[in-house]
All heavy atoms as atom14 arrays in JSON, in Angstrom:
{
  "sequence": "LPKYFSSEWSVAQFRLPEGSQYIVAFGHQKNTIVILGMDGS",
  "atom14_mask": [
    [1, 1, 1, 1, 1, 1, 1, 1, 0, 0, 0, 0, 0, 0],
    [1, 1, 1, 1, 1, 1, 1, 0, 0, 0, 0, 0, 0, 0],
    [1, 1, 1, 1, 1, 1, 1, 1, 1, 0, 0, 0, 0, 0],
    [1, 1, 1, 1, 1, 1, 1, 1, 1, 1, 1, 1, 0, 0],
    [1, 1, 1, 1, 1, 1, 1, 1, 1, 1, 1, 0, 0, 0],
    [1, 1, 1, 1, 1, 1, 0, 0, 0, 0, 0, 0, 0, 0],
    [1, 1, 1, 1, 1, 1, 0, 0, 0, 0, 0, 0, 0, 0],
    [1, 1, 1, 1, 1, 1, 1, 1, 1, 0, 0, 0, 0, 0],
    [1, 1, 1, 1, 1, 1, 1, 1, 1, 1, 1, 1, 1, 1],
    [1, 1, 1, 1, 1, 1, 0, 0, 0, 0, 0, 0, 0, 0],
    [1, 1, 1, 1, 1, 1, 1, 0, 0, 0, 0, 0, 0, 0],
    [1, 1, 1, 1, 1, 0, 0, 0, 0, 0, 0, 0, 0, 0],
    [1, 1, 1, 1, 1, 1, 1, 1, 1, 0, 0, 0, 0, 0],
    [1, 1, 1, 1, 1, 1, 1, 1, 1, 1, 1, 0, 0, 0],
    [1, 1, 1, 1, 1, 1, 1, 1, 1, 1, 1, 0, 0, 0],
    [1, 1, 1, 1, 1, 1, 1, 1, 0, 0, 0, 0, 0, 0],
    [1, 1, 1, 1, 1, 1, 1, 0, 0, 0, 0, 0, 0, 0],
    [1, 1, 1, 1, 1, 1, 1, 1, 1, 0, 0, 0, 0, 0],
    [1, 1, 1, 1, 0, 0, 0, 0, 0, 0, 0, 0, 0, 0],
    [1, 1, 1, 1, 1, 1, 0, 0, 0, 0, 0, 0, 0, 0],
    [1, 1, 1, 1, 1, 1, 1, 1, 1, 0, 0, 0, 0, 0],
    [1, 1, 1, 1, 1, 1, 1, 1, 1, 1, 1, 1, 0, 0],
    [1, 1, 1, 1, 1, 1, 1, 1, 0, 0, 0, 0, 0, 0],
    [1, 1, 1, 1, 1, 1, 1, 0, 0, 0, 0, 0, 0, 0],
    [1, 1, 1, 1, 1, 0, 0, 0, 0, 0, 0, 0, 0, 0],
    [1, 1, 1, 1, 1, 1, 1, 1, 1, 1, 1, 0, 0, 0],
    [1, 1, 1, 1, 0, 0, 0, 0, 0, 0, 0, 0, 0, 0],
    [1, 1, 1, 1, 1, 1, 1, 1, 1, 1, 0, 0, 0, 0],
    [1, 1, 1, 1, 1, 1, 1, 1, 1, 0, 0, 0, 0, 0],
    [1, 1, 1, 1, 1, 1, 1, 1, 1, 0, 0, 0, 0, 0],
    [1, 1, 1, 1, 1, 1, 1, 1, 0, 0, 0, 0, 0, 0],
    [1, 1, 1, 1, 1, 1, 1, 0, 0, 0, 0, 0, 0, 0],
    [1, 1, 1, 1, 1, 1, 1, 1, 0, 0, 0, 0, 0, 0],
    [1, 1, 1, 1, 1, 1, 1, 0, 0, 0, 0, 0, 0, 0],
    [1, 1, 1, 1, 1, 1, 1, 1, 0, 0, 0, 0, 0, 0],
    [1, 1, 1, 1, 1, 1, 1, 1, 0, 0, 0, 0, 0, 0],
    [1, 1, 1, 1, 0, 0, 0, 0, 0, 0, 0, 0, 0, 0],
    [1, 1, 1, 1, 1, 1, 1, 1, 0, 0, 0, 0, 0, 0],
    [1, 1, 1, 1, 1, 1, 1, 1, 0, 0, 0, 0, 0, 0],
    [1, 1, 1, 1, 0, 0, 0, 0, 0, 0, 0, 0, 0, 0],
    [1, 1, 1, 1, 1, 1, 0, 0, 0, 0, 0, 0, 0, 0]
  ],
  "atom14_positions": [
    [[25.57, -5.31, 9.78], [25.32, -4.39, 8.64], [24.36, -3.3, 9.07], [23.66, -3.44, 10.09], [24.77, -5.19, 7.49], [25.74, -6.15, 6.84], [25.07, -6.92, 5.73], [26.95, -5.43, 6.26], [0.0, 0.0, 0.0], [0.0, 0.0, 0.0], [0.0, 0.0, 0.0], [0.0, 0.0, 0.0], [0.0, 0.0, 0.0], [0.0, 0.0, 0.0]],
    [[24.21, -2.29, 8.28], [23.27, -1.21, 8.59], [21.84, -1.74, 8.69], [21.5, -2.8, 8.19], [23.4, -0.24, 7.39], [24.71, -0.57, 6.77], [24.99, -2.01, 7.06], [0.0, 0.0, 0.0], [0.0, 0.0, 0.0], [0.0, 0.0, 0.0], [0.0, 0.0, 0.0], [0.0, 0.0, 0.0], [0.0, 0.0, 0.0], [0.0, 0.0, 0.0]],
    [[20.97, -0.93, 9.31], [19.57, -1.34, 9.55], [18.87, -1.68, 8.26], [17.91, -2.44, 8.27], [18.82, -0.17, 10.25], [19.22, -0.03, 11.7], [18.41, 1.08, 12.32], [18.77, 1.26, 13.77], [17.96, 2.3, 14.41], [0.0, 0.0, 0.0], [0.0, 0.0, 0.0], [0.0, 0.0, 0.0], [0.0, 0.0, 0.0], [0.0, 0.0, 0.0]],
    [[19.29, -1.11, 7.14], [18.66, -1.34, 5.84], [18.52, -2.83, 5.58], [17.51, -3.31, 5.07], [19.48, -0.69, 4.73], [18.96, -0.94, 3.35], [18.0, -0.15, 2.8], [19.49, -2.0, 2.58], [17.53, -0.37, 1.51], [19.02, -2.23, 1.29], [18.03, -1.42, 0.79], [17.56, -1.64, -0.47], [0.0, 0.0, 0.0], [0.0, 0.0, 0.0]],
    [[19.55, -3.62, 5.86], [19.55, -5.07, 5.53], [18.76, -5.91, 6.53], [18.41, -7.01, 6.19], [20.99, -5.54, 5.46], [21.72, -4.97, 4.3], [22.65, -3.93, 4.52], [21.48, -5.41, 3.03], [23.34, -3.39, 3.44], [22.17, -4.85, 1.93], [23.11, -3.81, 2.16], [0.0, 0.0, 0.0], [0.0, 0.0, 0.0], [0.0, 0.0, 0.0]],
    [[18.45, -5.39, 7.69], [17.69, -6.18, 8.65], [16.24, -5.67, 8.78], [15.55, -6.11, 9.67], [18.37, -6.17, 10.03], [18.49, -4.83, 10.5], [0.0, 0.0, 0.0], [0.0, 0.0, 0.0], [0.0, 0.0, 0.0], [0.0, 0.0, 0.0], [0.0, 0.0, 0.0], [0.0, 0.0, 0.0], [0.0, 0.0, 0.0], [0.0, 0.0, 0.0]],
    [[15.85, -4.82, 7.89], [14.49, -4.25, 7.91], [13.47, -5.32, 7.5], [13.78, -6.29, 6.8], [14.39, -3.09, 6.96], [15.28, -2.05, 7.32], [0.0, 0.0, 0.0], [0.0, 0.0, 0.0], [0.0, 0.0, 0.0], [0.0, 0.0, 0.0], [0.0, 0.0, 0.0], [0.0, 0.0, 0.0], [0.0, 0.0, 0.0], [0.0, 0.0, 0.0]],
    [[12.25, -5.1, 7.89], [11.14, -5.94, 7.43], [10.66, -5.42, 6.08], [10.31, -4.24, 5.95], [9.99, -5.87, 8.47], [8.78, -6.64, 8.05], [8.97, -8.14, 7.94], [9.95, -8.68, 8.47], [8.12, -8.78, 7.3], [0.0, 0.0, 0.0], [0.0, 0.0, 0.0], [0.0, 0.0, 0.0], [0.0, 0.0, 0.0], [0.0, 0.0, 0.0]],
    [[10.65, -6.28, 5.08], [10.22, -5.89, 3.74], [8.76, -6.25, 3.57], [8.22, -7.13, 4.24], [11.11, -6.57, 2.7], [12.49, -6.04, 2.78], [13.49, -6.5, 3.63], [13.05, -4.98, 2.06], [14.6, -5.75, 3.44], [14.36, -4.81, 2.5], [12.55, -4.1, 1.09], [15.22, -3.79, 1.98], [13.37, -3.12, 0.58], [14.68, -2.96, 1.04]],
    [[8.13, -5.6, 2.59], [6.69, -5.78, 2.45], [6.33, -7.21, 1.98], [7.05, -7.82, 1.22], [6.1, -4.76, 1.48], [6.6, -4.9, 0.18], [0.0, 0.0, 0.0], [0.0, 0.0, 0.0], [0.0, 0.0, 0.0], [0.0, 0.0, 0.0], [0.0, 0.0, 0.0], [0.0, 0.0, 0.0], [0.0, 0.0, 0.0], [0.0, 0.0, 0.0]],
    [[5.18, -7.69, 2.41], [4.65, -8.98, 2.05], [3.96, -8.88, 0.67], [4.02, -9.82, -0.09], [3.62, -9.44, 3.13], [2.87, -10.68, 2.68], [4.31, -9.68, 4.43], [0.0, 0.0, 0.0], [0.0, 0.0, 0.0], [0.0, 0.0, 0.0], [0.0, 0.0, 0.0], [0.0, 0.0, 0.0], [0.0, 0.0, 0.0], [0.0, 0.0, 0.0]],
    [[3.3, -7.77, 0.41], [2.55, -7.6, -0.82], [2.64, -6.15, -1.29], [2.79, -5.24, -0.48], [1.1, -8.02, -0.64], [0.0, 0.0, 0.0], [0.0, 0.0, 0.0], [0.0, 0.0, 0.0], [0.0, 0.0, 0.0], [0.0, 0.0, 0.0], [0.0, 0.0, 0.0], [0.0, 0.0, 0.0], [0.0, 0.0, 0.0], [0.0, 0.0, 0.0]],
    [[2.51, -5.97, -2.59], [2.59, -4.64, -3.2], [1.48, -4.48, -4.26], [1.05, -5.47, -4.85], [3.92, -4.38, -3.89], [5.15, -4.74, -3.09], [5.5, -6.18, -3.12], [5.33, -6.87, -4.14], [5.94, -6.73, -2.0], [0.0, 0.0, 0.0], [0.0, 0.0, 0.0], [0.0, 0.0, 0.0], [0.0, 0.0, 0.0], [0.0, 0.0, 0.0]],
    [[1.07, -3.25, -4.47], [0.16, -2.92, -5.57], [0.63, -1.6, -6.14], [0.85, -0.63, -5.42], [-1.28, -2.82, -5.05], [-2.29, -2.67, -6.11], [-2.58, -3.7, -7.01], [-2.96, -1.45, -6.3], [-3.49, -3.53, -8.03], [-3.88, -1.28, -7.32], [-4.16, -2.32, -8.18], [0.0, 0.0, 0.0], [0.0, 0.0, 0.0], [0.0, 0.0, 0.0]],
    [[0.75, -1.53, -7.42], [1.26, -0.33, -8.09], [0.08, 0.5, -8.7], [-0.78, -0.06, -9.37], [2.24, -0.72, -9.21], [3.38, -1.48, -8.63], [4.54, -1.76, -9.49], [5.47, -2.71, -9.03], [6.07, -2.77, -7.85], [5.79, -1.87, -6.92], [6.94, -3.69, -7.54], [0.0, 0.0, 0.0], [0.0, 0.0, 0.0], [0.0, 0.0, 0.0]],
    [[0.18, 1.79, -8.45], [-0.87, 2.73, -8.9], [-0.22, 3.8, -9.72], [0.98, 4.02, -9.65], [-1.55, 3.36, -7.65], [-2.3, 2.38, -6.76], [-2.49, 2.99, -5.38], [-3.66, 2.1, -7.4], [0.0, 0.0, 0.0], [0.0, 0.0, 0.0], [0.0, 0.0, 0.0], [0.0, 0.0, 0.0], [0.0, 0.0, 0.0], [0.0, 0.0, 0.0]],
    [[-1.05, 4.54, -10.51], [-0.46, 5.68, -11.23], [0.09, 6.73, -10.27], [-0.56, 7.06, -9.27], [-1.68, 6.26, -11.97], [-2.69, 5.15, -12.02], [-2.45, 4.33, -10.82], [0.0, 0.0, 0.0], [0.0, 0.0, 0.0], [0.0, 0.0, 0.0], [0.0, 0.0, 0.0], [0.0, 0.0, 0.0], [0.0, 0.0, 0.0], [0.0, 0.0, 0.0]],
    [[1.28, 7.19, -10.54], [1.89, 8.21, -9.68], [1.18, 9.52, -9.95], [0.56, 9.73, -10.99], [3.4, 8.38, -10.01], [4.23, 7.25, -9.4], [5.71, 7.53, -9.49], [6.15, 8.6, -9.03], [6.39, 6.69, -10.04], [0.0, 0.0, 0.0], [0.0, 0.0, 0.0], [0.0, 0.0, 0.0], [0.0, 0.0, 0.0], [0.0, 0.0, 0.0]],
    [[1.29, 10.46, -9.02], [0.72, 11.77, -9.17], [-0.51, 12.06, -8.4], [-0.99, 13.16, -8.34], [0.0, 0.0, 0.0], [0.0, 0.0, 0.0], [0.0, 0.0, 0.0], [0.0, 0.0, 0.0], [0.0, 0.0, 0.0], [0.0, 0.0, 0.0], [0.0, 0.0, 0.0], [0.0, 0.0, 0.0], [0.0, 0.0, 0.0], [0.0, 0.0, 0.0]],
    [[-1.08, 11.02, -7.76], [-2.26, 11.2, -6.98], [-1.96, 10.64, -5.58], [-1.15, 9.72, -5.42], [-3.47, 10.48, -7.56], [-4.62, 10.78, -6.8], [0.0, 0.0, 0.0], [0.0, 0.0, 0.0], [0.0, 0.0, 0.0], [0.0, 0.0, 0.0], [0.0, 0.0, 0.0], [0.0, 0.0, 0.0], [0.0, 0.0, 0.0], [0.0, 0.0, 0.0]],
    [[-2.63, 11.19, -4.58], [-2.48, 10.67, -3.21], [-3.56, 9.59, -2.99], [-4.68, 9.73, -3.49], [-2.62, 11.76, -2.18], [-1.48, 12.76, -2.22], [-1.61, 13.81, -1.14], [-2.45, 13.74, -0.26], [-0.76, 14.82, -1.19], [0.0, 0.0, 0.0], [0.0, 0.0, 0.0], [0.0, 0.0, 0.0], [0.0, 0.0, 0.0], [0.0, 0.0, 0.0]],
    [[-3.2, 8.57, -2.25], [-4.14, 7.46, -1.98], [-4.26, 7.22, -0.5], [-3.28, 7.26, 0.23], [-3.64, 6.19, -2.69], [-3.55, 6.32, -4.19], [-2.38, 6.69, -4.8], [-4.68, 6.07, -4.95], [-2.32, 6.84, -6.19], [-4.63, 6.19, -6.33], [-3.44, 6.59, -6.96], [-3.38, 6.74, -8.31], [0.0, 0.0, 0.0], [0.0, 0.0, 0.0]],
    [[-5.47, 6.93, -0.09], [-5.78, 6.55, 1.29], [-6.07, 5.08, 1.32], [-6.78, 4.57, 0.46], [-6.99, 7.36, 1.87], [-6.64, 8.84, 1.84], [-7.36, 6.87, 3.24], [-7.79, 9.75, 2.13], [0.0, 0.0, 0.0], [0.0, 0.0, 0.0], [0.0, 0.0, 0.0], [0.0, 0.0, 0.0], [0.0, 0.0, 0.0], [0.0, 0.0, 0.0]],
    [[-5.51, 4.36, 2.29], [-5.66, 2.88, 2.36], [-6.39, 2.44, 3.62], [-6.34, 3.14, 4.64], [-4.28, 2.18, 2.27], [-3.67, 2.38, 0.88], [-3.36, 2.68, 3.33], [0.0, 0.0, 0.0], [0.0, 0.0, 0.0], [0.0, 0.0, 0.0], [0.0, 0.0, 0.0], [0.0, 0.0, 0.0], [0.0, 0.0, 0.0], [0.0, 0.0, 0.0]],
    [[-7.07, 1.31, 3.5], [-7.75, 0.69, 4.66], [-7.87, -0.81, 4.36], [-7.71, -1.24, 3.21], [-9.11, 1.3, 4.88], [0.0, 0.0, 0.0], [0.0, 0.0, 0.0], [0.0, 0.0, 0.0], [0.0, 0.0, 0.0], [0.0, 0.0, 0.0], [0.0, 0.0, 0.0], [0.0, 0.0, 0.0], [0.0, 0.0, 0.0], [0.0, 0.0, 0.0]],
    [[-8.12, -1.59, 5.4], [-8.39, -2.99, 5.21], [-9.86, -3.19, 4.94], [-10.72, -2.55, 5.54], [-7.92, -3.78, 6.43], [-6.44, -3.95, 6.48], [-5.65, -3.03, 7.15], [-5.82, -5.02, 5.85], [-4.29, -3.13, 7.16], [-4.44, -5.12, 5.87], [-3.67, -4.19, 6.52], [0.0, 0.0, 0.0], [0.0, 0.0, 0.0], [0.0, 0.0, 0.0]],
    [[-10.19, -4.12, 4.0], [-11.53, -4.44, 3.63], [-12.18, -5.39, 4.65], [-11.5, -5.92, 5.56], [0.0, 0.0, 0.0], [0.0, 0.0, 0.0], [0.0, 0.0, 0.0], [0.0, 0.0, 0.0], [0.0, 0.0, 0.0], [0.0, 0.0, 0.0], [0.0, 0.0, 0.0], [0.0, 0.0, 0.0], [0.0, 0.0, 0.0], [0.0, 0.0, 0.0]],
    [[-13.43, -5.69, 4.43], [-14.16, -6.61, 5.27], [-13.73, -8.08, 5.07], [-13.71, -8.87, 5.99], [-15.68, -6.48, 5.13], [-16.2, -5.16, 5.62], [-16.28, -4.86, 6.95], [-16.66, -4.1, 4.95], [-16.74, -3.64, 7.1], [-17.0, -3.16, 5.88], [0.0, 0.0, 0.0], [0.0, 0.0, 0.0], [0.0, 0.0, 0.0], [0.0, 0.0, 0.0]],
    [[-13.44, -8.41, 3.82], [-13.02, -9.76, 3.5], [-11.53, -9.95, 3.9], [-10.75, -8.99, 3.88], [-13.16, -10.1, 2.01], [-14.6, -10.18, 1.55], [-15.16, -8.79, 1.24], [-14.45, -7.84, 1.06], [-16.5, -8.73, 1.2], [0.0, 0.0, 0.0], [0.0, 0.0, 0.0], [0.0, 0.0, 0.0], [0.0, 0.0, 0.0], [0.0, 0.0, 0.0]],
    [[-11.18, -11.15, 4.23], [-9.81, -11.47, 4.71], [-8.81, -11.12, 3.66], [-9.02, -11.38, 2.46], [-9.74, -12.97, 5.05], [-8.38, -13.33, 5.62], [-8.38, -14.78, 6.07], [-7.01, -15.07, 6.73], [-6.98, -16.41, 7.29], [0.0, 0.0, 0.0], [0.0, 0.0, 0.0], [0.0, 0.0, 0.0], [0.0, 0.0, 0.0], [0.0, 0.0, 0.0]],
    [[-7.72, -10.46, 4.04], [-6.6, -10.09, 3.21], [-6.98, -9.2, 2.02], [-6.44, -9.27, 0.94], [-5.87, -11.33, 2.69], [-5.35, -12.2, 3.81], [-5.09, -11.72, 4.9], [-5.16, -13.47, 3.55], [0.0, 0.0, 0.0], [0.0, 0.0, 0.0], [0.0, 0.0, 0.0], [0.0, 0.0, 0.0], [0.0, 0.0, 0.0], [0.0, 0.0, 0.0]],
    [[-7.96, -8.31, 2.26], [-8.31, -7.34, 1.22], [-7.96, -5.95, 1.68], [-8.0, -5.61, 2.85], [-9.83, -7.4, 0.83], [-10.58, -7.15, 1.99], [-10.17, -8.73, 0.22], [0.0, 0.0, 0.0], [0.0, 0.0, 0.0], [0.0, 0.0, 0.0], [0.0, 0.0, 0.0], [0.0, 0.0, 0.0], [0.0, 0.0, 0.0], [0.0, 0.0, 0.0]],
    [[-7.64, -5.12, 0.67], [-7.26, -3.72, 0.89], [-8.17, -2.86, 0.07], [-8.49, -3.17, -1.09], [-5.8, -3.47, 0.43], [-4.81, -4.44, 1.1], [-5.38, -2.02, 0.64], [-4.72, -4.28, 2.55], [0.0, 0.0, 0.0], [0.0, 0.0, 0.0], [0.0, 0.0, 0.0], [0.0, 0.0, 0.0], [0.0, 0.0, 0.0], [0.0, 0.0, 0.0]],
    [[-8.61, -1.75, 0.61], [-9.42, -0.75, -0.1], [-8.55, 0.49, -0.26], [-7.89, 0.94, 0.69], [-10.72, -0.4, 0.71], [-11.47, 0.69, 0.02], [-11.54, -1.64, 0.88], [0.0, 0.0, 0.0], [0.0, 0.0, 0.0], [0.0, 0.0, 0.0], [0.0, 0.0, 0.0], [0.0, 0.0, 0.0], [0.0, 0.0, 0.0], [0.0, 0.0, 0.0]],
    [[-8.52, 1.03, -1.47], [-7.65, 2.16, -1.8], [-8.53, 3.25, -2.42], [-9.27, 2.98, -3.39], [-6.57, 1.77, -2.79], [-5.77, 0.58, -2.29], [-5.66, 2.97, -3.09], [-4.96, -0.16, -3.36], [0.0, 0.0, 0.0], [0.0, 0.0, 0.0], [0.0, 0.0, 0.0], [0.0, 0.0, 0.0], [0.0, 0.0, 0.0], [0.0, 0.0, 0.0]],
    [[-8.49, 4.44, -1.83], [-9.25, 5.59, -2.37], [-8.25, 6.65, -2.84], [-7.4, 7.09, -2.04], [-10.15, 6.18, -1.28], [-11.2, 5.24, -0.75], [-11.91, 5.88, 0.47], [-12.21, 4.87, -1.79], [0.0, 0.0, 0.0], [0.0, 0.0, 0.0], [0.0, 0.0, 0.0], [0.0, 0.0, 0.0], [0.0, 0.0, 0.0], [0.0, 0.0, 0.0]],
    [[-8.33, 7.05, -4.07], [-7.48, 8.07, -4.64], [-8.08, 9.44, -4.67], [-9.3, 9.58, -4.84], [0.0, 0.0, 0.0], [0.0, 0.0, 0.0], [0.0, 0.0, 0.0], [0.0, 0.0, 0.0], [0.0, 0.0, 0.0], [0.0, 0.0, 0.0], [0.0, 0.0, 0.0], [0.0, 0.0, 0.0], [0.0, 0.0, 0.0], [0.0, 0.0, 0.0]],
    [[-7.28, 10.46, -4.49], [-7.76, 11.83, -4.58], [-8.23, 12.17, -5.98], [-8.9, 13.17, -6.17], [-6.66, 12.84, -4.12], [-6.22, 12.62, -2.71], [-7.61, 12.81, -1.6], [-6.78, 12.89, -0.04], [0.0, 0.0, 0.0], [0.0, 0.0, 0.0], [0.0, 0.0, 0.0], [0.0, 0.0, 0.0], [0.0, 0.0, 0.0], [0.0, 0.0, 0.0]],
    [[-7.92, 11.33, -6.94], [-8.34, 11.53, -8.33], [-9.73, 10.86, -8.59], [-10.17, 10.8, -9.71], [-7.32, 10.97, -9.3], [-7.1, 9.45, -9.1], [-7.67, 8.85, -8.17], [-6.32, 8.88, -9.86], [0.0, 0.0, 0.0], [0.0, 0.0, 0.0], [0.0, 0.0, 0.0], [0.0, 0.0, 0.0], [0.0, 0.0, 0.0], [0.0, 0.0, 0.0]],
    [[-10.4, 10.38, -7.51], [-11.7, 9.78, -7.65], [-11.68, 8.27, -7.8], [-12.71, 7.62, -7.93], [0.0, 0.0, 0.0], [0.0, 0.0, 0.0], [0.0, 0.0, 0.0], [0.0, 0.0, 0.0], [0.0, 0.0, 0.0], [0.0, 0.0, 0.0], [0.0, 0.0, 0.0], [0.0, 0.0, 0.0], [0.0, 0.0, 0.0], [0.0, 0.0, 0.0]],
    [[-10.49, 7.69, -7.81], [-10.37, 6.24, -8.01], [-10.65, 5.44, -6.75], [-10.4, 5.9, -5.61], [-8.98, 5.89, -8.54], [-7.99, 6.28, -7.62], [0.0, 0.0, 0.0], [0.0, 0.0, 0.0], [0.0, 0.0, 0.0], [0.0, 0.0, 0.0], [0.0, 0.0, 0.0], [0.0, 0.0, 0.0], [0.0, 0.0, 0.0], [0.0, 0.0, 0.0]]
  ]
}
């Protein structure tokens, strides 16, 4: 089948308000994510 079906899918997701750009990084604690939004979030 096409590559679509053999792709690696995400392990985890987080939904944010659309309309702003977000920068992501890993936090100091295990399995944590830090998200900074251009809207100040």
